[in-house]
Amino acid sequence: MASSKPKLVPVVGSELPAQFTAKAVGRANAIELITVTVKVRAKNDKGSADGLHALAMQAVKNRSHVSREEFGAAHGADPADLKKVEDYARACNLNVVESCTAKRRVVLAGKVSDFESAFGVTLERFEHPGGTFRSYTSSVHVPPDLEPIVEAVLGLSNRPAAKPHFQARRRANPLAGMFASADAPQPLTPLQVAQLYDFPTGLDGSGQSIAIIELGGGFTMADLNAYFTGLGLPTPSVSAVSVLGASNTPVNDPNSADGEVMLDIEVAGAVAPQSKIVVYFAPNTTQGFVTAITNAAHDTVNAPSVISISWGGPESTWRASERTAMTNAIRDAGLMGVTVTVASGDNGSADGLTDRRSHVDFPASSPFALACGGTRLEGTLASISEEVVWNDGPNSATGGGVSDSFPQPAYQKNAHVPKSVNPGHFAGRGVPDVAGNADPESGYEVRVDGLNTVIGGTSAVAPLWAGLIALLNQSLGKPVGFLNPLLYSQIATGGGLHDVTVGNNGSFKAGKGWDPCTGLGSPDGAKILSLLGGTNGAATVSHDGASKKAAAAGAAVG
């Protein structure tokens, strides 16, 4: 009976985000069938928002992680909490598709009208440049006994969640050659970048699996085979995993998300050619994004030890509960020994918004992400001649700044992170943590949809660091996992990073030590490995030999 339905209360953080300007154009189709994911808080988090945060930090200190098989019992949801969600859903005429302790989620299916009633929302259609999406302008509501255990409700909205962070190199003016400076930056292959950053030699990623999250686009093996043959490398093992019905769907346009997908695979694959690369294709929604990270972290078949993410959006465009669900998914990955590298954005300190405030990109601003900023890199063979902050203008510059949502994590306490420049001057998490070559002018030679081209952006830095971490894990014989606390202590103090001190990204200037443009700096790969207790080693396919050959030959691609 309708009168027996409990009074609903808001889910904390589910209110409309600060940046939401879409115009409603009508009600959503009441009989449309949709799928919704209810994320349930970990049992260890009850009563303390930082319950698992301390455990993640301890895992770093002890270099110990929980196995995927053990995670559910150690840090998953309480089965009783899952059952409460299931019982309520069934009472609201919704079907339970999945209930998982380890992944802390209950997946539901049903009609829009039944979800509206169950969660106390009105679902509408909104206009955006690519068409329309479904969303709501209120908070999500649940019964009072569910409010303490529900972390987020994802999927009521299918608003596009993120954009890829890559930029193509500007096509040169045909007349510019006679006037061009001899010092102008030149494109590089991933192998040349790896050599300039002294990535460990004699290692090729054997035995490692790299997960790549994609929210659109696709790849073809013909392009990958041509590209890696041009580099003198074997084509890595590359496979696609479907998430929520999305799939490997190249659209044959190098300027589309295909450019992101191919850049990610080719950079990571060149650095660690014997690694297994698994691409998780998900819908471009918060539900798809969080589900892809969760599925990759818990994948017992492919067992990735690093996840690379080159998609994101301004922190203020996310509902707080969505940010919580995402950052806790990344935290869970760290507890299982999985490093998550994330691009920090390509639109400078404003992150593409026009409200005259500074914004950091999310999920790079998650305190459990290894946020990757961008530089312009110049050098010859194994010698860096110059490295400065990437800034070719307000919408072609590395992202970075100070979070207005996440407090400063313990590992940044001695990094002299300034307070936010925005009103309120929040003492937030500083972004990025590290950097790497990203300027499209010194960008990466890649192959996309049959075309040899040059692409930059912080999108390239996330897979570059992911490839490096695969090499580190190969040498060490175990995953480095959540790397940030070690970066800010023994790696930075031990000289494992090149401090970038020249340039700005808009509101912020580079300087000695950590800064909101390039973080702690770009990698000295061999030094990082040494500081972590590893050594270079002999590999079946020598990355060192291939990189020297490619560097000396100029590395023509394809």
Protein backbone atom coordinates (compact mmCIF):
# COMPACT_ATOMS: atom_id res chain seq x y z
CA MET A 1 0.00 0.00 0.00
CA ALA A 2 1.20 3.50 -0.76
CA SER A 3 0.67 4.60 2.82
CA SER A 4 3.14 1.99 4.07
CA LYS A 5 6.05 3.39 2.08
CA PRO A 6 8.62 4.91 4.48
CA LYS A 7 9.37 8.60 4.43
CA LEU A 8 12.45 9.17 2.27
CA VAL A 9 15.52 11.21 3.24
CA PRO A 10 18.28 12.67 1.01
CA VAL A 11 21.46 10.75 0.24
CA VAL A 12 24.35 12.91 1.42
CA GLY A 13 26.09 14.60 -1.49
CA SER A 14 23.48 13.72 -4.11
CA GLU A 15 22.34 17.30 -4.68
CA LEU A 16 22.89 19.08 -7.99
CA PRO A 17 26.56 19.96 -8.70
CA ALA A 18 27.68 23.58 -8.78
CA GLN A 19 28.22 23.50 -12.55
CA PHE A 20 24.95 22.34 -14.14
CA THR A 21 23.55 24.66 -16.81
CA ALA A 22 21.61 22.27 -19.04
CA LYS A 23 18.02 23.18 -19.93
CA ALA A 24 15.19 20.72 -19.25
CA VAL A 25 13.10 19.94 -22.34
CA GLY A 26 10.56 17.50 -20.91
CA ARG A 27 9.99 14.47 -18.72
CA ALA A 28 11.91 11.24 -19.25
CA ASN A 29 10.04 8.33 -20.82
CA ALA A 30 8.22 6.74 -17.87
CA ILE A 31 8.30 3.23 -19.32
CA GLU A 32 11.94 3.27 -20.47
CA LEU A 33 13.91 0.41 -18.95
CA ILE A 34 17.14 1.54 -17.28
CA THR A 35 19.85 0.06 -15.08
CA VAL A 36 20.95 1.76 -11.85
CA THR A 37 23.87 0.98 -9.54
CA VAL A 38 23.58 1.51 -5.80
CA LYS A 39 27.05 1.80 -4.28
CA VAL A 40 27.10 0.62 -0.66
CA ARG A 41 29.66 1.91 1.83
CA ALA A 42 32.40 -0.44 2.96
CA LYS A 43 31.75 -1.95 6.38
CA ASN A 44 35.09 -0.53 7.62
CA ASP A 45 33.89 2.98 6.78
CA LYS A 46 30.92 2.97 9.11
CA GLY A 47 31.18 5.78 11.59
CA SER A 48 34.37 7.15 10.02
CA ALA A 49 34.80 8.65 6.57
CA ASP A 50 38.52 7.90 6.81
CA GLY A 51 38.21 4.29 7.93
CA LEU A 52 39.83 2.72 4.87
CA HIS A 53 42.02 5.72 4.06
CA ALA A 54 44.29 4.92 7.00
CA LEU A 55 44.44 1.27 5.93
CA ALA A 56 45.49 2.28 2.41
CA MET A 57 48.29 4.42 3.84
CA GLN A 58 49.39 1.53 6.04
CA ALA A 59 49.47 -0.78 3.01
CA VAL A 60 51.92 1.59 1.34
CA LYS A 61 54.14 1.73 4.42
CA ASN A 62 54.25 -2.06 4.77
CA ARG A 63 54.30 -2.76 1.00
CA SER A 64 51.46 -5.23 1.58
CA HIS A 65 48.13 -5.52 -0.18
CA VAL A 66 44.94 -7.52 0.06
CA SER A 67 44.34 -10.04 -2.71
CA ARG A 68 41.29 -9.70 -4.92
CA GLU A 69 39.97 -12.94 -3.49
CA GLU A 70 40.31 -11.65 0.07
CA PHE A 71 39.07 -8.13 -0.52
CA GLY A 72 35.36 -8.76 -0.08
CA ALA A 73 35.74 -10.26 3.37
CA ALA A 74 38.30 -7.66 4.45
CA HIS A 75 36.95 -4.43 3.01
CA GLY A 76 33.74 -5.14 1.11
CA ALA A 77 30.16 -4.26 1.95
CA ASP A 78 28.31 -5.89 4.83
CA PRO A 79 26.03 -8.58 3.29
CA ALA A 80 23.27 -7.41 5.61
CA ASP A 81 23.52 -3.92 4.08
CA LEU A 82 23.29 -5.34 0.59
CA LYS A 83 20.18 -7.29 1.58
CA LYS A 84 18.51 -4.12 2.90
CA VAL A 85 19.01 -2.48 -0.49
CA GLU A 86 17.79 -5.59 -2.31
CA ASP A 87 14.64 -5.88 -0.18
CA TYR A 88 13.76 -2.23 -0.65
CA ALA A 89 14.32 -2.44 -4.42
CA ARG A 90 12.08 -5.48 -4.79
CA ALA A 91 9.39 -3.76 -2.73
CA CYS A 92 9.56 -0.91 -5.27
CA ASN A 93 9.02 -3.26 -8.24
CA LEU A 94 12.68 -3.19 -9.28
CA ASN A 95 14.72 -6.22 -10.31
CA VAL A 96 18.05 -7.09 -8.67
CA VAL A 97 20.54 -7.82 -11.46
CA GLU A 98 23.65 -8.14 -9.30
CA SER A 99 24.62 -7.91 -5.65
CA CYS A 100 28.35 -8.05 -4.89
CA THR A 101 30.11 -7.78 -1.54
CA ALA A 102 33.59 -7.08 -2.93
CA LYS A 103 32.44 -4.48 -5.46
CA ARG A 104 30.09 -2.96 -2.87
CA ARG A 105 27.20 -2.60 -5.25
CA VAL A 106 23.65 -3.65 -6.00
CA VAL A 107 22.67 -3.32 -9.65
CA LEU A 108 18.97 -2.77 -10.32
CA ALA A 109 16.80 -2.76 -13.44
CA GLY A 110 13.32 -1.40 -14.01
CA LYS A 111 11.16 1.33 -15.46
CA VAL A 112 11.95 5.03 -15.11
CA SER A 113 8.67 5.57 -13.23
CA ASP A 114 9.52 2.91 -10.65
CA PHE A 115 12.98 4.39 -10.08
CA GLU A 116 11.44 7.84 -9.67
CA SER A 117 9.17 6.50 -6.95
CA ALA A 118 11.88 4.41 -5.25
CA PHE A 119 14.44 7.23 -5.05
CA GLY A 120 12.21 10.29 -4.76
CA VAL A 121 13.37 12.02 -7.94
CA THR A 122 11.81 13.40 -11.11
CA LEU A 123 13.74 12.31 -14.17
CA GLU A 124 13.81 14.76 -17.05
CA ARG A 125 15.45 15.18 -20.43
CA PHE A 126 18.07 17.91 -20.79
CA GLU A 127 19.71 19.44 -23.84
CA HIS A 128 23.46 19.39 -24.40
CA PRO A 129 25.62 19.98 -27.50
CA GLY A 130 25.59 16.29 -28.42
CA GLY A 131 21.85 15.79 -28.01
CA THR A 132 19.88 15.08 -24.85
CA PHE A 133 20.50 13.22 -21.63
CA ARG A 134 18.40 12.04 -18.69
CA SER A 135 18.96 13.56 -15.26
CA TYR A 136 17.36 15.17 -12.21
CA THR A 137 17.77 18.42 -10.28
CA SER A 138 16.97 17.28 -6.73
CA SER A 139 18.79 15.03 -4.29
CA VAL A 140 18.35 11.26 -4.42
CA HIS A 141 16.23 9.95 -1.56
CA VAL A 142 16.16 6.61 0.28
CA PRO A 143 14.50 5.26 3.43
CA PRO A 144 16.16 6.40 6.70
CA ASP A 145 17.60 2.95 7.41
CA LEU A 146 19.40 2.95 4.04
CA GLU A 147 20.84 6.48 4.23
CA PRO A 148 23.84 5.53 6.46
CA ILE A 149 24.88 2.73 4.11
CA VAL A 150 24.24 4.15 0.62
CA GLU A 151 27.35 5.79 -0.82
CA ALA A 152 25.82 6.83 -4.14
CA VAL A 153 23.06 6.00 -6.59
CA LEU A 154 24.45 5.96 -10.13
CA GLY A 155 22.58 5.63 -13.41
CA LEU A 156 19.48 7.70 -12.76
CA SER A 157 21.38 10.25 -14.84
CA ASN A 158 23.15 9.40 -18.08
CA ARG A 159 24.67 12.86 -18.45
CA PRO A 160 28.10 12.68 -20.19
CA ALA A 161 30.58 12.47 -17.33
CA ALA A 162 33.96 13.26 -18.85
CA LYS A 163 35.98 14.15 -21.91
CA PRO A 164 39.26 12.74 -23.18
CA HIS A 165 42.38 14.78 -22.40
CA PHE A 166 44.28 14.66 -25.68
CA GLN A 167 45.13 17.32 -28.25
CA ALA A 168 46.42 16.92 -31.77
CA ARG A 169 49.48 18.86 -32.84
CA ARG A 170 48.59 21.94 -34.84
CA ARG A 171 49.23 21.48 -38.53
CA ALA A 172 52.26 23.57 -39.50
CA ASN A 173 51.88 26.54 -41.83
CA PRO A 174 53.56 25.52 -45.13
CA LEU A 175 55.43 28.84 -45.14
CA ALA A 176 56.49 28.56 -41.52
CA GLY A 177 59.43 26.28 -42.21
CA MET A 178 61.71 29.01 -43.53
CA PHE A 179 61.08 31.10 -40.41
CA ALA A 180 60.90 28.31 -37.81
CA SER A 181 63.35 28.34 -34.95
CA ALA A 182 65.86 25.53 -34.83
CA ASP A 183 64.99 25.29 -31.14
CA ALA A 184 61.28 24.57 -31.76
CA PRO A 185 60.18 21.36 -30.00
CA GLN A 186 59.93 18.26 -32.15
CA PRO A 187 57.55 15.29 -31.90
CA LEU A 188 58.86 12.20 -30.16
CA THR A 189 58.03 8.55 -30.13
CA PRO A 190 57.07 7.00 -26.78
CA LEU A 191 60.42 5.18 -26.89
CA GLN A 192 62.32 8.43 -27.21
CA VAL A 193 60.36 9.94 -24.32
CA ALA A 194 61.09 6.85 -22.21
CA GLN A 195 64.78 7.12 -23.00
CA LEU A 196 64.91 10.82 -22.12
CA TYR A 197 63.30 9.94 -18.79
CA ASP A 198 65.80 7.10 -18.30
CA PHE A 199 63.19 4.38 -17.94
CA PRO A 200 64.70 1.14 -16.60
CA THR A 201 66.45 -0.91 -19.26
CA GLY A 202 66.28 -4.64 -19.82
CA LEU A 203 62.62 -4.66 -18.75
CA ASP A 204 59.60 -5.02 -21.02
CA GLY A 205 56.58 -5.46 -18.74
CA SER A 206 56.56 -9.24 -18.92
CA GLY A 207 54.04 -10.75 -16.54
CA GLN A 208 52.22 -7.42 -16.09
CA SER A 209 48.73 -6.36 -17.07
CA ILE A 210 47.81 -2.71 -17.74
CA ALA A 211 44.14 -1.69 -17.62
CA ILE A 212 43.02 1.29 -19.71
CA ILE A 213 39.63 2.92 -19.12
CA GLU A 214 37.88 4.31 -22.21
CA LEU A 215 34.50 6.04 -22.44
CA GLY A 216 34.22 5.99 -26.21
CA GLY A 217 36.07 5.25 -29.43
CA GLY A 218 37.99 2.14 -30.31
CA PHE A 219 41.08 0.53 -31.83
CA THR A 220 41.96 -1.74 -34.72
CA MET A 221 44.65 -4.39 -34.63
CA ALA A 222 45.73 -3.42 -38.16
CA ASP A 223 46.73 0.04 -36.90
CA LEU A 224 48.42 -1.38 -33.82
CA ASN A 225 50.40 -3.92 -35.85
CA ALA A 226 51.56 -1.21 -38.28
CA TYR A 227 52.51 1.14 -35.45
CA PHE A 228 54.53 -1.29 -33.38
CA THR A 229 56.22 -2.73 -36.46
CA GLY A 230 57.34 0.82 -37.25
CA LEU A 231 58.86 1.06 -33.77
CA GLY A 232 60.63 -2.26 -34.16
CA LEU A 233 58.59 -3.78 -31.34
CA PRO A 234 56.24 -6.73 -31.07
CA THR A 235 52.57 -5.80 -30.90
CA PRO A 236 51.45 -6.19 -27.29
CA SER A 237 48.56 -8.42 -26.36
CA VAL A 238 45.56 -6.07 -26.50
CA SER A 239 42.02 -7.10 -25.61
CA ALA A 240 38.73 -5.30 -25.02
CA VAL A 241 36.31 -5.77 -22.12
CA SER A 242 32.72 -4.56 -22.38
CA VAL A 243 31.25 -2.62 -19.44
CA LEU A 244 27.48 -1.99 -19.28
CA GLY A 245 27.08 -2.78 -22.96
CA ALA A 246 29.78 -0.47 -24.33
CA SER A 247 32.31 -1.97 -26.73
CA ASN A 248 35.37 -1.38 -28.89
CA THR A 249 33.75 0.83 -31.55
CA PRO A 250 36.21 2.84 -33.66
CA VAL A 251 34.50 5.59 -35.65
CA ASN A 252 37.30 6.10 -38.19
CA ASP A 253 37.98 9.72 -37.22
CA PRO A 254 41.39 10.55 -35.72
CA ASN A 255 39.88 13.59 -33.96
CA SER A 256 37.29 11.44 -32.18
CA ALA A 257 37.76 9.35 -29.05
CA ASP A 258 39.66 6.93 -31.33
CA GLY A 259 42.61 9.29 -30.86
CA GLU A 260 42.43 8.80 -27.11
CA VAL A 261 42.16 5.03 -27.29
CA MET A 262 45.05 4.60 -29.72
CA LEU A 263 47.27 7.09 -27.87
CA ASP A 264 46.75 5.25 -24.59
CA ILE A 265 47.46 1.81 -26.03
CA GLU A 266 50.44 2.90 -28.12
CA VAL A 267 52.18 4.85 -25.36
CA ALA A 268 51.73 2.18 -22.69
CA GLY A 269 52.48 -0.60 -25.15
CA ALA A 270 55.69 0.99 -26.42
CA VAL A 271 57.01 1.41 -22.89
CA ALA A 272 56.02 -2.10 -21.77
CA PRO A 273 55.61 -4.15 -24.98
CA GLN A 274 55.38 -7.54 -23.29
CA SER A 275 52.65 -6.45 -20.90
CA LYS A 276 49.06 -7.48 -21.44
CA ILE A 277 46.91 -4.43 -22.21
CA VAL A 278 43.21 -4.69 -21.38
CA VAL A 279 40.91 -1.89 -22.52
CA TYR A 280 37.67 -1.51 -20.55
CA PHE A 281 35.06 0.24 -22.70
CA ALA A 282 32.25 1.85 -20.72
CA PRO A 283 29.45 4.34 -21.38
CA ASN A 284 30.43 7.97 -20.79
CA THR A 285 28.36 8.35 -17.62
CA THR A 286 29.25 8.41 -13.94
CA GLN A 287 27.77 4.93 -13.64
CA GLY A 288 29.87 3.67 -16.55
CA PHE A 289 33.04 5.38 -15.31
CA VAL A 290 32.81 4.05 -11.75
CA THR A 291 31.77 0.59 -12.93
CA ALA A 292 34.73 0.37 -15.32
CA ILE A 293 37.26 1.25 -12.61
CA THR A 294 35.60 -1.17 -10.18
CA ASN A 295 35.50 -4.00 -12.70
CA ALA A 296 39.13 -3.47 -13.69
CA ALA A 297 40.34 -3.36 -10.09
CA HIS A 298 38.48 -6.59 -9.23
CA ASP A 299 39.25 -8.44 -12.49
CA THR A 300 40.67 -11.79 -11.36
CA VAL A 301 41.14 -13.00 -14.95
CA ASN A 302 43.30 -10.16 -16.33
CA ALA A 303 44.56 -9.03 -12.90
CA PRO A 304 45.88 -5.57 -13.84
CA SER A 305 48.44 -4.03 -11.49
CA VAL A 306 47.95 -0.52 -12.91
CA ILE A 307 44.93 1.34 -14.30
CA SER A 308 45.40 4.25 -16.72
CA ILE A 309 42.67 6.92 -17.00
CA SER A 310 42.82 9.78 -19.50
CA TRP A 311 39.24 11.04 -19.11
CA GLY A 312 37.84 13.54 -16.65
CA GLY A 313 36.02 16.79 -16.06
CA PRO A 314 36.02 19.80 -13.74
CA GLU A 315 35.55 18.75 -10.13
CA SER A 316 32.59 21.12 -9.74
CA THR A 317 30.57 19.33 -12.46
CA TRP A 318 30.25 16.18 -10.35
CA ARG A 319 27.74 15.53 -7.59
CA ALA A 320 29.60 15.03 -4.31
CA SER A 321 28.26 11.47 -3.93
CA GLU A 322 29.57 10.64 -7.41
CA ARG A 323 33.02 11.91 -6.44
CA THR A 324 32.84 9.78 -3.30
CA ALA A 325 31.93 6.65 -5.23
CA MET A 326 34.71 7.24 -7.75
CA THR A 327 37.45 8.04 -5.25
CA ASN A 328 36.50 5.06 -3.09
CA ALA A 329 36.69 2.80 -6.15
CA ILE A 330 40.21 4.13 -6.75
CA ARG A 331 41.02 3.67 -3.06
CA ASP A 332 39.82 0.05 -3.21
CA ALA A 333 42.11 -0.52 -6.19
CA GLY A 334 45.04 0.78 -4.13
CA LEU A 335 44.22 -1.58 -1.28
CA MET A 336 44.57 -4.44 -3.77
CA GLY A 337 47.93 -3.13 -4.98
CA VAL A 338 46.65 -1.47 -8.15
CA THR A 339 48.13 1.93 -9.05
CA VAL A 340 45.70 4.32 -10.76
CA THR A 341 47.26 6.97 -13.03
CA VAL A 342 44.98 9.84 -14.10
CA ALA A 343 45.43 12.73 -16.55
CA SER A 344 45.09 16.15 -14.87
CA GLY A 345 43.42 17.93 -17.80
CA ASP A 346 44.40 19.98 -20.83
CA ASN A 347 42.70 23.33 -20.21
CA GLY A 348 44.97 25.05 -17.74
CA SER A 349 44.08 26.18 -14.25
CA ALA A 350 40.47 27.02 -15.24
CA ASP A 351 39.92 23.47 -16.58
CA GLY A 352 37.86 24.88 -19.43
CA LEU A 353 35.29 26.75 -17.32
CA THR A 354 34.64 30.48 -17.70
CA ASP A 355 33.61 31.57 -14.17
CA ARG A 356 37.00 33.20 -13.52
CA ARG A 357 37.84 30.64 -10.85
CA SER A 358 40.45 27.91 -10.80
CA HIS A 359 39.30 24.32 -11.13
CA VAL A 360 41.03 20.97 -10.86
CA ASP A 361 40.03 17.98 -12.97
CA PHE A 362 38.37 14.90 -11.50
CA PRO A 363 39.15 12.01 -10.98
CA ALA A 364 42.73 13.34 -11.02
CA SER A 365 41.90 15.25 -7.81
CA SER A 366 40.99 12.05 -5.98
CA PRO A 367 43.55 11.67 -3.16
CA PHE A 368 44.11 8.05 -4.24
CA ALA A 369 44.89 8.87 -7.88
CA LEU A 370 48.38 9.45 -9.22
CA ALA A 371 47.54 12.74 -10.94
CA CYS A 372 49.63 13.36 -14.06
CA GLY A 373 50.39 16.87 -15.32
CA GLY A 374 52.09 18.00 -18.51
CA THR A 375 55.38 19.48 -19.70
CA ARG A 376 57.04 20.48 -22.95
CA LEU A 377 60.03 18.19 -23.37
CA GLU A 378 63.01 18.78 -25.63
CA GLY A 379 66.13 16.68 -25.96
CA THR A 380 68.50 14.74 -28.16
CA LEU A 381 68.89 11.00 -27.72
CA ALA A 382 69.29 10.41 -23.97
CA SER A 383 69.78 14.02 -22.90
CA ILE A 384 67.03 16.46 -21.88
CA SER A 385 67.92 19.95 -23.10
CA GLU A 386 64.85 21.70 -21.68
CA GLU A 387 61.64 20.85 -19.85
CA VAL A 388 59.07 23.47 -18.90
CA VAL A 389 55.39 23.61 -18.02
CA TRP A 390 53.15 22.86 -21.00
CA ASN A 391 51.20 26.05 -21.76
CA ASP A 392 50.24 26.97 -25.31
CA GLY A 393 47.25 29.05 -24.19
CA PRO A 394 44.27 28.82 -21.80
CA ASN A 395 42.75 25.80 -23.55
CA SER A 396 46.02 24.08 -24.36
CA ALA A 397 47.86 23.81 -21.07
CA THR A 398 48.34 21.36 -18.26
CA GLY A 399 45.62 21.20 -15.65
CA GLY A 400 46.49 21.68 -12.00
CA GLY A 401 45.60 23.55 -8.86
CA VAL A 402 44.06 22.92 -5.47
CA SER A 403 40.89 20.91 -4.87
CA ASP A 404 37.84 22.61 -3.41
CA SER A 405 36.36 19.22 -2.51
CA PHE A 406 39.07 16.93 -1.12
CA PRO A 407 41.11 17.98 1.94
CA GLN A 408 44.86 17.91 1.71
CA PRO A 409 46.03 14.30 2.18
CA ALA A 410 48.65 13.42 4.77
CA TYR A 411 51.28 12.67 2.11
CA GLN A 412 51.18 16.32 0.96
CA LYS A 413 51.55 17.89 4.41
CA ASN A 414 55.19 18.82 3.77
CA ALA A 415 54.76 19.69 0.09
CA HIS A 416 53.80 23.33 0.78
CA VAL A 417 50.54 23.06 -1.16
CA PRO A 418 48.89 26.50 -1.05
CA LYS A 419 45.24 26.97 -0.15
CA SER A 420 42.71 27.27 -2.94
CA VAL A 421 42.68 30.66 -4.66
CA ASN A 422 38.87 30.48 -4.83
CA PRO A 423 36.56 32.06 -2.22
CA GLY A 424 36.78 30.13 1.06
CA HIS A 425 40.45 29.31 0.40
CA PHE A 426 39.97 25.62 1.13
CA ALA A 427 43.08 23.70 2.26
CA GLY A 428 42.69 21.06 -0.42
CA ARG A 429 44.49 18.27 -2.22
CA GLY A 430 47.11 19.61 -4.63
CA VAL A 431 47.01 18.50 -8.28
CA PRO A 432 49.03 17.06 -10.03
CA ASP A 433 51.46 14.71 -8.28
CA VAL A 434 53.84 14.10 -11.19
CA ALA A 435 54.26 15.15 -14.81
CA GLY A 436 55.57 14.12 -18.19
CA ASN A 437 55.75 15.21 -21.82
CA ALA A 438 52.32 16.48 -22.93
CA ASP A 439 52.71 19.54 -25.17
CA PRO A 440 51.29 18.60 -28.61
CA GLU A 441 54.26 20.44 -30.17
CA SER A 442 56.63 17.98 -28.49
CA GLY A 443 53.93 15.31 -28.64
CA TYR A 444 53.88 11.62 -29.41
CA GLU A 445 54.07 10.08 -32.86
CA VAL A 446 51.11 7.70 -33.00
CA ARG A 447 48.85 6.00 -35.52
CA VAL A 448 45.07 6.53 -35.46
CA ASP A 449 42.53 5.27 -38.00
CA GLY A 450 45.19 4.62 -40.61
CA LEU A 451 46.87 7.98 -40.15
CA ASN A 452 50.31 8.66 -38.71
CA THR A 453 49.89 11.77 -36.58
CA VAL A 454 51.17 13.59 -33.49
CA ILE A 455 49.10 13.84 -30.31
CA GLY A 456 49.80 15.40 -26.94
CA GLY A 457 47.88 16.22 -23.80
CA THR A 458 48.00 14.88 -20.27
CA SER A 459 46.20 11.89 -21.77
CA ALA A 460 49.63 10.73 -22.89
CA VAL A 461 51.18 11.14 -19.44
CA ALA A 462 48.81 8.75 -17.64
CA PRO A 463 49.67 5.76 -19.90
CA LEU A 464 53.35 6.80 -19.89
CA TRP A 465 53.43 6.50 -16.09
CA ALA A 466 51.31 3.33 -16.29
CA GLY A 467 53.92 1.76 -18.55
CA LEU A 468 56.70 2.83 -16.18
CA ILE A 469 54.86 1.31 -13.23
CA ALA A 470 54.50 -1.96 -15.14
CA LEU A 471 58.30 -2.00 -15.52
CA LEU A 472 58.75 -1.25 -11.82
CA ASN A 473 56.36 -4.03 -10.87
CA GLN A 474 58.15 -6.47 -13.19
CA SER A 475 61.52 -5.74 -11.59
CA LEU A 476 60.26 -5.69 -8.00
CA GLY A 477 58.24 -8.86 -8.40
CA LYS A 478 55.22 -7.27 -6.70
CA PRO A 479 53.04 -4.22 -7.33
CA VAL A 480 53.99 -0.82 -5.98
CA GLY A 481 50.28 -0.08 -5.50
CA PHE A 482 49.25 3.30 -4.11
CA LEU A 483 52.48 5.16 -4.89
CA ASN A 484 51.74 8.70 -3.69
CA PRO A 485 53.08 8.52 -0.11
CA LEU A 486 56.34 7.06 -1.40
CA LEU A 487 56.58 9.73 -4.10
CA TYR A 488 56.33 12.56 -1.61
CA SER A 489 58.86 10.98 0.74
CA GLN A 490 61.67 8.75 -0.43
CA ILE A 491 61.28 9.15 -4.22
CA ALA A 492 61.17 12.96 -4.32
CA THR A 493 63.82 13.37 -1.65
CA GLY A 494 66.01 10.72 -3.28
CA GLY A 495 66.20 12.47 -6.63
CA GLY A 496 63.79 10.25 -8.53
CA LEU A 497 62.02 13.17 -10.19
CA HIS A 498 63.11 16.03 -12.46
CA ASP A 499 61.90 19.23 -10.81
CA VAL A 500 60.27 21.48 -13.45
CA THR A 501 60.61 25.09 -12.33
CA VAL A 502 59.79 27.22 -15.38
CA GLY A 503 56.35 28.16 -16.71
CA ASN A 504 52.75 28.46 -15.59
CA ASN A 505 49.32 27.01 -16.34
CA GLY A 506 47.34 30.22 -15.88
CA SER A 507 46.75 30.94 -12.20
CA PHE A 508 49.79 29.02 -10.98
CA LYS A 509 53.53 29.20 -11.57
CA ALA A 510 56.08 26.43 -11.45
CA GLY A 511 58.75 26.60 -8.78
CA LYS A 512 61.17 24.58 -6.75
CA GLY A 513 59.60 21.49 -5.20
CA TRP A 514 55.93 20.66 -5.64
CA ASP A 515 53.83 23.10 -7.66
CA PRO A 516 50.25 23.13 -9.09
CA CYS A 517 51.54 22.81 -12.66
CA THR A 518 53.81 19.75 -12.75
CA GLY A 519 53.58 18.44 -9.19
CA LEU A 520 56.86 16.95 -8.03
CA GLY A 521 58.16 16.75 -11.60
CA SER A 522 58.81 14.27 -14.39
CA PRO A 523 60.28 10.81 -13.84
CA ASP A 524 63.82 9.53 -13.67
CA GLY A 525 62.69 5.97 -14.16
CA ALA A 526 65.89 4.11 -13.30
CA LYS A 527 66.37 6.22 -10.17
CA ILE A 528 62.80 5.53 -9.03
CA LEU A 529 63.38 1.82 -9.46
CA SER A 530 66.61 2.00 -7.47
CA LEU A 531 64.89 3.94 -4.66
CA LEU A 532 62.19 1.26 -4.50
CA GLY A 533 64.82 -1.44 -4.17
CA GLY A 534 64.76 -2.83 -7.71
CA THR A 535 67.36 -3.20 -10.43
CA ASN A 536 67.44 -3.21 -14.21
CA GLY A 537 67.20 -6.70 -15.58
CA ALA A 538 67.57 -8.78 -18.72
CA ALA A 539 64.34 -9.27 -20.66
CA THR A 540 63.37 -11.47 -23.56
CA VAL A 541 62.68 -8.37 -25.65
CA SER A 542 65.01 -5.54 -24.71
CA HIS A 543 63.23 -2.23 -24.29
CA ASP A 544 66.64 -0.57 -24.09
CA GLY A 545 67.81 -1.90 -27.43
CA ALA A 546 64.58 -0.97 -29.16
CA SER A 547 64.56 2.52 -27.68
CA LYS A 548 68.15 3.27 -28.73
CA LYS A 549 67.50 1.99 -32.21
CA ALA A 550 64.33 4.08 -32.50
CA ALA A 551 66.01 7.20 -31.10
CA ALA A 552 69.00 6.95 -33.41
CA ALA A 553 66.88 6.36 -36.48
CA GLY A 554 64.42 9.14 -35.75
CA ALA A 555 61.79 6.42 -35.31
CA ALA A 556 59.65 6.78 -38.40
CA VAL A 557 56.26 5.32 -37.58
CA GLY A 558 54.22 2.87 -39.61
